[in-house]
Amino acid sequence: MLLSIFFFATFILVYALGDGEIESNNFFYSLFLIFLAYLYFCWHWIKGRQTLGMRSWYIYVVNESNTSLNWKQASLRFAAALLSLVIIGLGFVWALFDKKKLALHDHLSKTKLIVHKSFA
């Protein structure tokens, strides 16, 4: 889903620029894509507790009190997950050794993933 959003937004951007070209090393284009990813993930985590991929695995994200995330928590979760990717995914590997099986971004944003009971 996110990839299709990237394609569609890039198409509109290229059309709006008129010259039909965006260089691959364009810093502002990279920021634009990160912003789109931020909106996609945060919106889904806040409004439905799930992205489309999470829905297919019956997984949803909640805060420590088992309620929906707010914008602050979702933003912190996204930023920490992005940081985890930058450091070669070590923030995700963290979950393999954590007692509660939480990734680094879950600890920092005080969130957790729950598998729906009908799937578990």
Protein backbone atom coordinates (compact mmCIF):
# COMPACT_ATOMS: atom_id res chain seq x y z
CA MET A 1 0.00 0.00 0.00
CA LEU A 2 2.75 2.42 0.95
CA LEU A 3 4.60 1.71 -2.27
CA SER A 4 1.51 2.55 -4.32
CA ILE A 5 1.17 5.81 -2.38
CA PHE A 6 4.81 6.60 -3.21
CA PHE A 7 4.21 5.89 -6.91
CA PHE A 8 1.03 7.97 -7.08
CA ALA A 9 2.52 10.91 -5.17
CA THR A 10 5.66 10.79 -7.33
CA PHE A 11 3.53 10.78 -10.48
CA ILE A 12 1.67 13.88 -9.30
CA LEU A 13 4.92 15.57 -8.28
CA VAL A 14 6.60 14.85 -11.62
CA TYR A 15 3.54 16.12 -13.47
CA ALA A 16 3.42 19.27 -11.33
CA LEU A 17 7.11 20.01 -11.91
CA GLY A 18 6.57 19.88 -15.64
CA ASP A 19 10.02 18.65 -16.69
CA GLY A 20 9.16 15.02 -15.88
CA GLU A 21 12.29 14.29 -13.90
CA ILE A 22 13.31 13.99 -10.26
CA GLU A 23 16.90 13.09 -9.52
CA SER A 24 17.36 10.05 -7.32
CA ASN A 25 19.64 11.90 -4.89
CA ASN A 26 17.22 14.78 -4.36
CA PHE A 27 17.17 15.46 -0.60
CA PHE A 28 13.74 17.13 -0.63
CA TYR A 29 12.21 14.24 -2.55
CA SER A 30 13.56 11.83 0.09
CA LEU A 31 12.06 14.00 2.83
CA PHE A 32 8.77 14.05 0.92
CA LEU A 33 8.67 10.23 0.82
CA ILE A 34 9.54 9.98 4.52
CA PHE A 35 6.74 12.44 5.29
CA LEU A 36 4.29 10.33 3.27
CA ALA A 37 5.40 7.21 5.17
CA TYR A 38 4.98 9.11 8.44
CA LEU A 39 1.41 10.10 7.54
CA TYR A 40 0.55 6.57 6.39
CA PHE A 41 1.83 4.77 9.47
CA CYS A 42 0.74 7.31 12.08
CA TRP A 43 -2.75 7.72 10.62
CA HIS A 44 -3.32 3.96 10.58
CA TRP A 45 -1.86 3.41 14.04
CA ILE A 46 -4.04 6.17 15.51
CA LYS A 47 -7.32 5.63 13.65
CA GLY A 48 -7.46 1.86 13.27
CA ARG A 49 -4.52 0.56 15.35
CA GLN A 50 -3.37 -1.35 12.25
CA THR A 51 -1.76 -0.84 8.88
CA LEU A 52 -2.93 -3.00 6.01
CA GLY A 53 -0.02 -5.40 6.57
CA MET A 54 -0.78 -5.65 10.29
CA ARG A 55 -4.42 -6.38 9.49
CA SER A 56 -3.51 -9.44 7.42
CA TRP A 57 -1.62 -10.90 10.42
CA TYR A 58 -4.31 -9.86 12.96
CA ILE A 59 -1.82 -7.64 14.77
CA TYR A 60 -2.59 -4.23 16.21
CA VAL A 61 -0.63 -1.64 18.14
CA VAL A 62 -1.74 -0.12 21.45
CA ASN A 63 -0.19 1.98 24.19
CA GLU A 64 0.58 0.74 27.70
CA SER A 65 -3.04 1.19 28.80
CA ASN A 66 -4.27 -0.88 25.80
CA THR A 67 -5.88 2.10 24.06
CA SER A 68 -5.24 3.74 20.71
CA LEU A 69 -2.08 5.74 20.20
CA ASN A 70 -2.13 9.53 20.10
CA TRP A 71 -0.14 11.60 17.59
CA LYS A 72 2.76 12.02 20.01
CA GLN A 73 3.12 8.27 20.61
CA ALA A 74 2.69 7.42 16.93
CA SER A 75 5.23 10.06 15.91
CA LEU A 76 7.75 8.82 18.45
CA ARG A 77 7.16 5.21 17.35
CA PHE A 78 7.71 6.15 13.70
CA ALA A 79 10.87 8.17 14.42
CA ALA A 80 12.34 5.39 16.57
CA ALA A 81 11.49 2.74 13.96
CA LEU A 82 13.15 4.89 11.30
CA LEU A 83 16.21 5.18 13.52
CA SER A 84 16.17 1.40 13.94
CA LEU A 85 16.30 0.99 10.18
CA VAL A 86 19.18 3.44 9.89
CA ILE A 87 21.26 1.43 12.38
CA ILE A 88 20.98 -1.72 10.27
CA GLY A 89 17.74 -2.88 11.88
CA LEU A 90 19.26 -3.34 15.33
CA GLY A 91 16.21 -1.78 16.97
CA PHE A 92 14.09 -4.57 15.50
CA VAL A 93 16.60 -7.28 16.45
CA TRP A 94 16.24 -5.98 20.01
CA ALA A 95 12.83 -7.73 20.16
CA LEU A 96 14.48 -11.14 19.81
CA PHE A 97 16.29 -10.68 23.12
CA ASP A 98 13.74 -8.61 25.02
CA LYS A 99 11.76 -10.34 27.80
CA LYS A 100 8.50 -8.76 26.59
CA LYS A 101 9.45 -9.21 22.90
CA LEU A 102 9.25 -5.44 22.34
CA ALA A 103 11.38 -3.68 19.75
CA LEU A 104 13.34 -0.56 20.60
CA HIS A 105 10.68 1.71 19.08
CA ASP A 106 8.03 0.03 21.25
CA HIS A 107 10.05 0.76 24.39
CA LEU A 108 10.70 4.38 23.42
CA SER A 109 7.08 5.11 22.47
CA LYS A 110 5.57 2.99 25.27
CA THR A 111 3.61 0.87 22.79
CA LYS A 112 3.18 -2.84 22.17
CA LEU A 113 1.88 -5.16 19.49
CA ILE A 114 -1.07 -7.41 20.27
CA VAL A 115 -2.09 -10.49 18.27
CA HIS A 116 -5.88 -10.69 18.03
CA LYS A 117 -7.28 -13.54 20.14
CA SER A 118 -9.08 -15.20 17.22
CA PHE A 119 -5.75 -15.64 15.43
CA ALA A 120 -3.55 -16.64 18.38
